[in-house]
Amino acid sequence: MNSKIIEIIRKYVSSDSEITLESKIENDLYIDSLKMLEIICDLENSLNVKICFSDLKNVVFVKDFLECIQSGGEKNGDEIL
């Protein structure tokens, strides 16, 4: 799943950006809030998952998307995107 997440993110960053699980979303990849929402929608559609809105505040690194997806999205009645 890591490679699929990286593949999806790659569509939203410049072609010369190196993307690893340790890449910082904002500082290394220059992903702003609009791109972030587009990535979330793409991840949900491509991986057939739901990502919990409250989990997004914890996304700093690419690897944090995996944690959001693995958390299942529907916990504690949180709003889901």
PDB file of N, CA and C in Angstrom:
ATOM      1  N   MET A   1       0.815  -1.191   0.000  1.00  0.00           N
ATOM      2  CA  MET A   1       0.000   0.000   0.000  1.00  0.00           C
ATOM      3  C   MET A   1       0.863   1.260   0.000  1.00  0.00           C
ATOM      4  N   ASN A   2       2.062   1.191   0.571  1.00  0.00           N
ATOM      5  CA  ASN A   2       2.950   2.348   0.591  1.00  0.00           C
ATOM      6  C   ASN A   2       3.223   2.864  -0.808  1.00  0.00           C
ATOM      7  N   SER A   3       3.493   1.961  -1.732  1.00  0.00           N
ATOM      8  CA  SER A   3       3.809   2.378  -3.098  1.00  0.00           C
ATOM      9  C   SER A   3       2.603   3.027  -3.773  1.00  0.00           C
ATOM     10  N   LYS A   4       1.408   2.557  -3.472  1.00  0.00           N
ATOM     11  CA  LYS A   4       0.191   3.145  -4.041  1.00  0.00           C
ATOM     12  C   LYS A   4      -0.017   4.560  -3.501  1.00  0.00           C
ATOM     13  N   ILE A   5       0.215   4.758  -2.217  1.00  0.00           N
ATOM     14  CA  ILE A   5       0.090   6.092  -1.622  1.00  0.00           C
ATOM     15  C   ILE A   5       1.090   7.048  -2.270  1.00  0.00           C
ATOM     16  N   ILE A   6       2.314   6.612  -2.421  1.00  0.00           N
ATOM     17  CA  ILE A   6       3.345   7.447  -3.053  1.00  0.00           C
ATOM     18  C   ILE A   6       2.974   7.740  -4.501  1.00  0.00           C
ATOM     19  N   GLU A   7       2.469   6.754  -5.202  1.00  0.00           N
ATOM     20  CA  GLU A   7       2.048   6.929  -6.593  1.00  0.00           C
ATOM     21  C   GLU A   7       0.952   7.996  -6.706  1.00  0.00           C
ATOM     22  N   ILE A   8       0.003   7.969  -5.804  1.00  0.00           N
ATOM     23  CA  ILE A   8      -1.084   8.955  -5.812  1.00  0.00           C
ATOM     24  C   ILE A   8      -0.544  10.348  -5.495  1.00  0.00           C
ATOM     25  N   ILE A   9       0.293  10.471  -4.487  1.00  0.00           N
ATOM     26  CA  ILE A   9       0.857  11.768  -4.114  1.00  0.00           C
ATOM     27  C   ILE A   9       1.698  12.330  -5.249  1.00  0.00           C
ATOM     28  N   ARG A  10       2.400  11.475  -5.973  1.00  0.00           N
ATOM     29  CA  ARG A  10       3.279  11.905  -7.068  1.00  0.00           C
ATOM     30  C   ARG A  10       2.510  12.733  -8.112  1.00  0.00           C
ATOM     31  N   LYS A  11       1.229  12.463  -8.278  1.00  0.00           N
ATOM     32  CA  LYS A  11       0.427  13.203  -9.251  1.00  0.00           C
ATOM     33  C   LYS A  11       0.244  14.669  -8.867  1.00  0.00           C
ATOM     34  N   TYR A  12       0.485  15.002  -7.608  1.00  0.00           N
ATOM     35  CA  TYR A  12       0.195  16.341  -7.103  1.00  0.00           C
ATOM     36  C   TYR A  12       1.429  17.169  -6.770  1.00  0.00           C
ATOM     37  N   VAL A  13       2.609  16.644  -7.038  1.00  0.00           N
ATOM     38  CA  VAL A  13       3.838  17.382  -6.736  1.00  0.00           C
ATOM     39  C   VAL A  13       4.682  17.513  -7.996  1.00  0.00           C
ATOM     40  N   SER A  14       5.667  18.386  -7.941  1.00  0.00           N
ATOM     41  CA  SER A  14       6.527  18.589  -9.108  1.00  0.00           C
ATOM     42  C   SER A  14       7.295  17.304  -9.419  1.00  0.00           C
ATOM     43  N   SER A  15       7.597  17.142 -10.669  1.00  0.00           N
ATOM     44  CA  SER A  15       8.221  15.895 -11.126  1.00  0.00           C
ATOM     45  C   SER A  15       9.614  15.675 -10.554  1.00  0.00           C
ATOM     46  N   ASP A  16      10.277  16.731 -10.110  1.00  0.00           N
ATOM     47  CA  ASP A  16      11.625  16.558  -9.563  1.00  0.00           C
ATOM     48  C   ASP A  16      11.637  16.290  -8.056  1.00  0.00           C
ATOM     49  N   SER A  17      10.468  16.241  -7.444  1.00  0.00           N
ATOM     50  CA  SER A  17      10.382  15.964  -6.000  1.00  0.00           C
ATOM     51  C   SER A  17      10.589  14.480  -5.728  1.00  0.00           C
ATOM     52  N   GLU A  18      11.482  14.199  -4.801  1.00  0.00           N
ATOM     53  CA  GLU A  18      11.670  12.821  -4.359  1.00  0.00           C
ATOM     54  C   GLU A  18      10.673  12.555  -3.243  1.00  0.00           C
ATOM     55  N   ILE A  19       9.885  11.499  -3.407  1.00  0.00           N
ATOM     56  CA  ILE A  19       8.866  11.177  -2.417  1.00  0.00           C
ATOM     57  C   ILE A  19       9.236   9.880  -1.723  1.00  0.00           C
ATOM     58  N   THR A  20       9.359   9.966  -0.406  1.00  0.00           N
ATOM     59  CA  THR A  20       9.602   8.784   0.414  1.00  0.00           C
ATOM     60  C   THR A  20       8.573   8.803   1.547  1.00  0.00           C
ATOM     61  N   LEU A  21       8.530   7.743   2.312  1.00  0.00           N
ATOM     62  CA  LEU A  21       7.621   7.704   3.453  1.00  0.00           C
ATOM     63  C   LEU A  21       7.982   8.767   4.488  1.00  0.00           C
ATOM     64  N   GLU A  22       9.223   9.211   4.489  1.00  0.00           N
ATOM     65  CA  GLU A  22       9.699  10.204   5.452  1.00  0.00           C
ATOM     66  C   GLU A  22       9.597  11.630   4.927  1.00  0.00           C
ATOM     67  N   SER A  23       9.096  11.816   3.717  1.00  0.00           N
ATOM     68  CA  SER A  23       8.940  13.166   3.161  1.00  0.00           C
ATOM     69  C   SER A  23       7.873  13.923   3.945  1.00  0.00           C
ATOM     70  N   LYS A  24       8.175  15.184   4.253  1.00  0.00           N
ATOM     71  CA  LYS A  24       7.193  16.031   4.926  1.00  0.00           C
ATOM     72  C   LYS A  24       6.252  16.607   3.873  1.00  0.00           C
ATOM     73  N   ILE A  25       4.959  16.515   4.153  1.00  0.00           N
ATOM     74  CA  ILE A  25       3.935  16.931   3.208  1.00  0.00           C
ATOM     75  C   ILE A  25       4.102  18.399   2.809  1.00  0.00           C
ATOM     76  N   GLU A  26       4.196  19.283   3.769  1.00  0.00           N
ATOM     77  CA  GLU A  26       4.278  20.713   3.468  1.00  0.00           C
ATOM     78  C   GLU A  26       5.692  21.163   3.140  1.00  0.00           C
ATOM     79  N   ASN A  27       6.648  20.814   3.966  1.00  0.00           N
ATOM     80  CA  ASN A  27       8.002  21.347   3.831  1.00  0.00           C
ATOM     81  C   ASN A  27       8.808  20.742   2.696  1.00  0.00           C
ATOM     82  N   ASP A  28       8.649  19.446   2.448  1.00  0.00           N
ATOM     83  CA  ASP A  28       9.432  18.789   1.396  1.00  0.00           C
ATOM     84  C   ASP A  28       8.694  18.751   0.058  1.00  0.00           C
ATOM     85  N   LEU A  29       7.386  18.535   0.116  1.00  0.00           N
ATOM     86  CA  LEU A  29       6.614  18.335  -1.117  1.00  0.00           C
ATOM     87  C   LEU A  29       5.786  19.555  -1.507  1.00  0.00           C
ATOM     88  N   TYR A  30       5.738  20.563  -0.639  1.00  0.00           N
ATOM     89  CA  TYR A  30       5.021  21.818  -0.901  1.00  0.00           C
ATOM     90  C   TYR A  30       3.551  21.581  -1.249  1.00  0.00           C
ATOM     91  N   ILE A  31       2.920  20.704  -0.505  1.00  0.00           N
ATOM     92  CA  ILE A  31       1.504  20.408  -0.699  1.00  0.00           C
ATOM     93  C   ILE A  31       0.696  21.349   0.186  1.00  0.00           C
ATOM     94  N   ASP A  32      -0.151  22.152  -0.439  1.00  0.00           N
ATOM     95  CA  ASP A  32      -0.990  23.078   0.319  1.00  0.00           C
ATOM     96  C   ASP A  32      -2.312  22.404   0.678  1.00  0.00           C
ATOM     97  N   SER A  33      -3.182  23.143   1.334  1.00  0.00           N
ATOM     98  CA  SER A  33      -4.430  22.551   1.833  1.00  0.00           C
ATOM     99  C   SER A  33      -5.347  22.077   0.699  1.00  0.00           C
ATOM    100  N   LEU A  34      -5.373  22.780  -0.414  1.00  0.00           N
ATOM    101  CA  LEU A  34      -6.208  22.366  -1.535  1.00  0.00           C
ATOM    102  C   LEU A  34      -5.692  21.058  -2.142  1.00  0.00           C
ATOM    103  N   LYS A  35      -4.399  20.989  -2.348  1.00  0.00           N
ATOM    104  CA  LYS A  35      -3.808  19.743  -2.866  1.00  0.00           C
ATOM    105  C   LYS A  35      -4.025  18.599  -1.890  1.00  0.00           C
ATOM    106  N   MET A  36      -3.956  18.926  -0.599  1.00  0.00           N
ATOM    107  CA  MET A  36      -4.158  17.906   0.428  1.00  0.00           C
ATOM    108  C   MET A  36      -5.552  17.301   0.299  1.00  0.00           C
ATOM    109  N   LEU A  37      -6.560  18.140   0.110  1.00  0.00           N
ATOM    110  CA  LEU A  37      -7.926  17.639  -0.056  1.00  0.00           C
ATOM    111  C   LEU A  37      -8.051  16.793  -1.318  1.00  0.00           C
ATOM    112  N   GLU A  38      -7.392  17.213  -2.380  1.00  0.00           N
ATOM    113  CA  GLU A  38      -7.418  16.435  -3.618  1.00  0.00           C
ATOM    114  C   GLU A  38      -6.760  15.069  -3.415  1.00  0.00           C
ATOM    115  N   ILE A  39      -5.666  15.046  -2.692  1.00  0.00           N
ATOM    116  CA  ILE A  39      -4.974  13.784  -2.402  1.00  0.00           C
ATOM    117  C   ILE A  39      -5.867  12.878  -1.562  1.00  0.00           C
ATOM    118  N   ILE A  40      -6.518  13.452  -0.552  1.00  0.00           N
ATOM    119  CA  ILE A  40      -7.404  12.658   0.303  1.00  0.00           C
ATOM    120  C   ILE A  40      -8.512  12.026  -0.529  1.00  0.00           C
ATOM    121  N   CYS A  41      -9.140  12.818  -1.381  1.00  0.00           N
ATOM    122  CA  CYS A  41     -10.215  12.291  -2.243  1.00  0.00           C
ATOM    123  C   CYS A  41      -9.681  11.202  -3.163  1.00  0.00           C
ATOM    124  N   ASP A  42      -8.518  11.419  -3.722  1.00  0.00           N
ATOM    125  CA  ASP A  42      -7.910  10.431  -4.613  1.00  0.00           C
ATOM    126  C   ASP A  42      -7.584   9.140  -3.854  1.00  0.00           C
ATOM    127  N   LEU A  43      -7.030   9.275  -2.655  1.00  0.00           N
ATOM    128  CA  LEU A  43      -6.728   8.094  -1.833  1.00  0.00           C
ATOM    129  C   LEU A  43      -7.992   7.316  -1.514  1.00  0.00           C
ATOM    130  N   GLU A  44      -9.034   8.038  -1.114  1.00  0.00           N
ATOM    131  CA  GLU A  44     -10.293   7.369  -0.763  1.00  0.00           C
ATOM    132  C   GLU A  44     -10.871   6.627  -1.965  1.00  0.00           C
ATOM    133  N   ASN A  45     -10.873   7.268  -3.121  1.00  0.00           N
ATOM    134  CA  ASN A  45     -11.434   6.647  -4.318  1.00  0.00           C
ATOM    135  C   ASN A  45     -10.577   5.499  -4.835  1.00  0.00           C
ATOM    136  N   SER A  46      -9.277   5.699  -4.855  1.00  0.00           N
ATOM    137  CA  SER A  46      -8.371   4.683  -5.402  1.00  0.00           C
ATOM    138  C   SER A  46      -8.228   3.460  -4.506  1.00  0.00           C
ATOM    139  N   LEU A  47      -8.253   3.688  -3.193  1.00  0.00           N
ATOM    140  CA  LEU A  47      -8.031   2.596  -2.252  1.00  0.00           C
ATOM    141  C   LEU A  47      -9.329   2.094  -1.615  1.00  0.00           C
ATOM    142  N   ASN A  48     -10.440   2.727  -1.991  1.00  0.00           N
ATOM    143  CA  ASN A  48     -11.750   2.349  -1.458  1.00  0.00           C
ATOM    144  C   ASN A  48     -11.761   2.365   0.080  1.00  0.00           C
ATOM    145  N   VAL A  49     -11.297   3.498   0.626  1.00  0.00           N
ATOM    146  CA  VAL A  49     -11.236   3.688   2.078  1.00  0.00           C
ATOM    147  C   VAL A  49     -11.883   5.022   2.429  1.00  0.00           C
ATOM    148  N   LYS A  50     -12.129   5.232   3.692  1.00  0.00           N
ATOM    149  CA  LYS A  50     -12.588   6.516   4.210  1.00  0.00           C
ATOM    150  C   LYS A  50     -11.533   7.023   5.182  1.00  0.00           C
ATOM    151  N   ILE A  51     -11.209   8.298   5.064  1.00  0.00           N
ATOM    152  CA  ILE A  51     -10.212   8.893   5.945  1.00  0.00           C
ATOM    153  C   ILE A  51     -10.920   9.862   6.880  1.00  0.00           C
ATOM    154  N   CYS A  52     -10.714   9.671   8.145  1.00  0.00           N
ATOM    155  CA  CYS A  52     -11.361  10.461   9.194  1.00  0.00           C
ATOM    156  C   CYS A  52     -10.787  11.887   9.213  1.00  0.00           C
ATOM    157  N   PHE A  53     -11.674  12.860   9.211  1.00  0.00           N
ATOM    158  CA  PHE A  53     -11.278  14.263   9.210  1.00  0.00           C
ATOM    159  C   PHE A  53     -10.359  14.588  10.382  1.00  0.00           C
ATOM    160  N   SER A  54     -10.660  14.071  11.547  1.00  0.00           N
ATOM    161  CA  SER A  54      -9.853  14.395  12.733  1.00  0.00           C
ATOM    162  C   SER A  54      -8.446  13.804  12.666  1.00  0.00           C
ATOM    163  N   ASP A  55      -8.237  12.771  11.861  1.00  0.00           N
ATOM    164  CA  ASP A  55      -6.907  12.174  11.710  1.00  0.00           C
ATOM    165  C   ASP A  55      -5.978  13.041  10.856  1.00  0.00           C
ATOM    166  N   LEU A  56      -6.535  13.907  10.028  1.00  0.00           N
ATOM    167  CA  LEU A  56      -5.722  14.693   9.107  1.00  0.00           C
ATOM    168  C   LEU A  56      -4.791  15.667   9.811  1.00  0.00           C
ATOM    169  N   LYS A  57      -5.161  16.101  10.993  1.00  0.00           N
ATOM    170  CA  LYS A  57      -4.288  17.031  11.724  1.00  0.00           C
ATOM    171  C   LYS A  57      -2.969  16.365  12.107  1.00  0.00           C
ATOM    172  N   ASN A  58      -2.931  15.027  12.087  1.00  0.00           N
ATOM    173  CA  ASN A  58      -1.723  14.284  12.432  1.00  0.00           C
ATOM    174  C   ASN A  58      -0.852  13.966  11.225  1.00  0.00           C
ATOM    175  N   VAL A  59      -1.285  14.366  10.044  1.00  0.00           N
ATOM    176  CA  VAL A  59      -0.521  14.050   8.835  1.00  0.00           C
ATOM    177  C   VAL A  59       0.565  15.104   8.636  1.00  0.00           C
ATOM    178  N   VAL A  60       1.800  14.684   8.859  1.00  0.00           N
ATOM    179  CA  VAL A  60       2.971  15.535   8.650  1.00  0.00           C
ATOM    180  C   VAL A  60       3.854  14.897   7.579  1.00  0.00           C
ATOM    181  N   PHE A  61       4.021  13.588   7.673  1.00  0.00           N
ATOM    182  CA  PHE A  61       4.853  12.828   6.747  1.00  0.00           C
ATOM    183  C   PHE A  61       3.970  11.993   5.821  1.00  0.00           C
ATOM    184  N   VAL A  62       4.519  11.571   4.706  1.00  0.00           N
ATOM    185  CA  VAL A  62       3.789  10.699   3.784  1.00  0.00           C
ATOM    186  C   VAL A  62       3.318   9.444   4.504  1.00  0.00           C
ATOM    187  N   LYS A  63       4.152   8.899   5.372  1.00  0.00           N
ATOM    188  CA  LYS A  63       3.801   7.665   6.083  1.00  0.00           C
ATOM    189  C   LYS A  63       2.571   7.837   6.978  1.00  0.00           C
ATOM    190  N   ASP A  64       2.249   9.077   7.339  1.00  0.00           N
ATOM    191  CA  ASP A  64       1.089   9.327   8.192  1.00  0.00           C
ATOM    192  C   ASP A  64      -0.228   9.039   7.464  1.00  0.00           C
ATOM    193  N   PHE A  65      -0.228   9.117   6.139  1.00  0.00           N
ATOM    194  CA  PHE A  65      -1.428   8.740   5.388  1.00  0.00           C
ATOM    195  C   PHE A  65      -1.765   7.275   5.628  1.00  0.00           C
ATOM    196  N   LEU A  66      -0.753   6.446   5.698  1.00  0.00           N
ATOM    197  CA  LEU A  66      -0.968   5.025   5.950  1.00  0.00           C
ATOM    198  C   LEU A  66      -1.642   4.820   7.299  1.00  0.00           C
ATOM    199  N   GLU A  67      -1.202   5.542   8.293  1.00  0.00           N
ATOM    200  CA  GLU A  67      -1.822   5.463   9.629  1.00  0.00           C
ATOM    201  C   GLU A  67      -3.292   5.875   9.576  1.00  0.00           C
ATOM    202  N   CYS A  68      -3.592   6.945   8.840  1.00  0.00           N
ATOM    203  CA  CYS A  68      -4.987   7.395   8.697  1.00  0.00           C
ATOM    204  C   CYS A  68      -5.843   6.311   8.060  1.00  0.00           C
ATOM    205  N   ILE A  69      -5.308   5.690   7.042  1.00  0.00           N
ATOM    206  CA  ILE A  69      -6.058   4.650   6.331  1.00  0.00           C
ATOM    207  C   ILE A  69      -6.244   3.431   7.215  1.00  0.00           C
ATOM    208  N   GLN A  70      -5.213   3.055   7.949  1.00  0.00           N
ATOM    209  CA  GLN A  70      -5.294   1.872   8.802  1.00  0.00           C
ATOM    210  C   GLN A  70      -6.200   2.095  10.011  1.00  0.00           C
ATOM    211  N   SER A  71      -6.407   3.369  10.389  1.00  0.00           N
ATOM    212  CA  SER A  71      -7.257   3.638  11.552  1.00  0.00           C
ATOM    213  C   SER A  71      -8.722   3.368  11.254  1.00  0.00           C
ATOM    214  N   GLY A  72      -9.057   3.236   9.987  1.00  0.00           N
ATOM    215  CA  GLY A  72     -10.402   2.822   9.617  1.00  0.00           C
ATOM    216  C   GLY A  72     -11.391   3.937   9.398  1.00  0.00           C
ATOM    217  N   GLY A  73     -11.107   5.150   9.833  1.00  0.00           N
ATOM    218  CA  GLY A  73     -11.951   6.273   9.530  1.00  0.00           C
ATOM    219  C   GLY A  73     -13.192   6.431  10.359  1.00  0.00           C
ATOM    220  N   GLU A  74     -13.891   5.376  10.696  1.00  0.00           N
ATOM    221  CA  GLU A  74     -15.181   5.522  11.367  1.00  0.00           C
ATOM    222  C   GLU A  74     -15.092   5.217  12.858  1.00  0.00           C
ATOM    223  N   LYS A  75     -14.292   5.945  13.559  1.00  0.00           N
ATOM    224  CA  LYS A  75     -14.186   5.713  14.988  1.00  0.00           C
ATOM    225  C   LYS A  75     -14.725   6.908  15.739  1.00  0.00           C
ATOM    226  N   ASN A  76     -15.323   6.672  16.840  1.00  0.00           N
ATOM    227  CA  ASN A  76     -15.831   7.716  17.727  1.00  0.00           C
ATOM    228  C   ASN A  76     -16.798   8.680  17.050  1.00  0.00           C
ATOM    229  N   GLY A  77     -17.434   8.276  15.983  1.00  0.00           N
ATOM    230  CA  GLY A  77     -18.403   9.131  15.319  1.00  0.00           C
ATOM    231  C   GLY A  77     -17.782  10.352  14.653  1.00  0.00           C
ATOM    232  N   ASP A  78     -16.478  10.320  14.384  1.00  0.00           N
ATOM    233  CA  ASP A  78     -15.818  11.456  13.757  1.00  0.00           C
ATOM    234  C   ASP A  78     -16.346  11.678  12.353  1.00  0.00           C
ATOM    235  N   GLU A  79     -16.278  12.922  11.928  1.00  0.00           N
ATOM    236  CA  GLU A  79     -16.684  13.265  10.576  1.00  0.00           C
ATOM    237  C   GLU A  79     -15.692  12.652   9.598  1.00  0.00           C
ATOM    238  N   ILE A  80     -16.222  12.110   8.541  1.00  0.00           N
ATOM    239  CA  ILE A  80     -15.398  11.474   7.524  1.00  0.00           C
ATOM    240  C   ILE A  80     -15.514  12.278   6.252  1.00  0.00           C
ATOM    241  N   LEU A  81     -14.392  12.481   5.583  1.00  0.00           N
ATOM    242  CA  LEU A  81     -14.405  13.208   4.309  1.00  0.00           C
ATOM    243  C   LEU A  81     -14.893  12.312   3.210  1.00  0.00           C
TER     244      LEU A  81
END
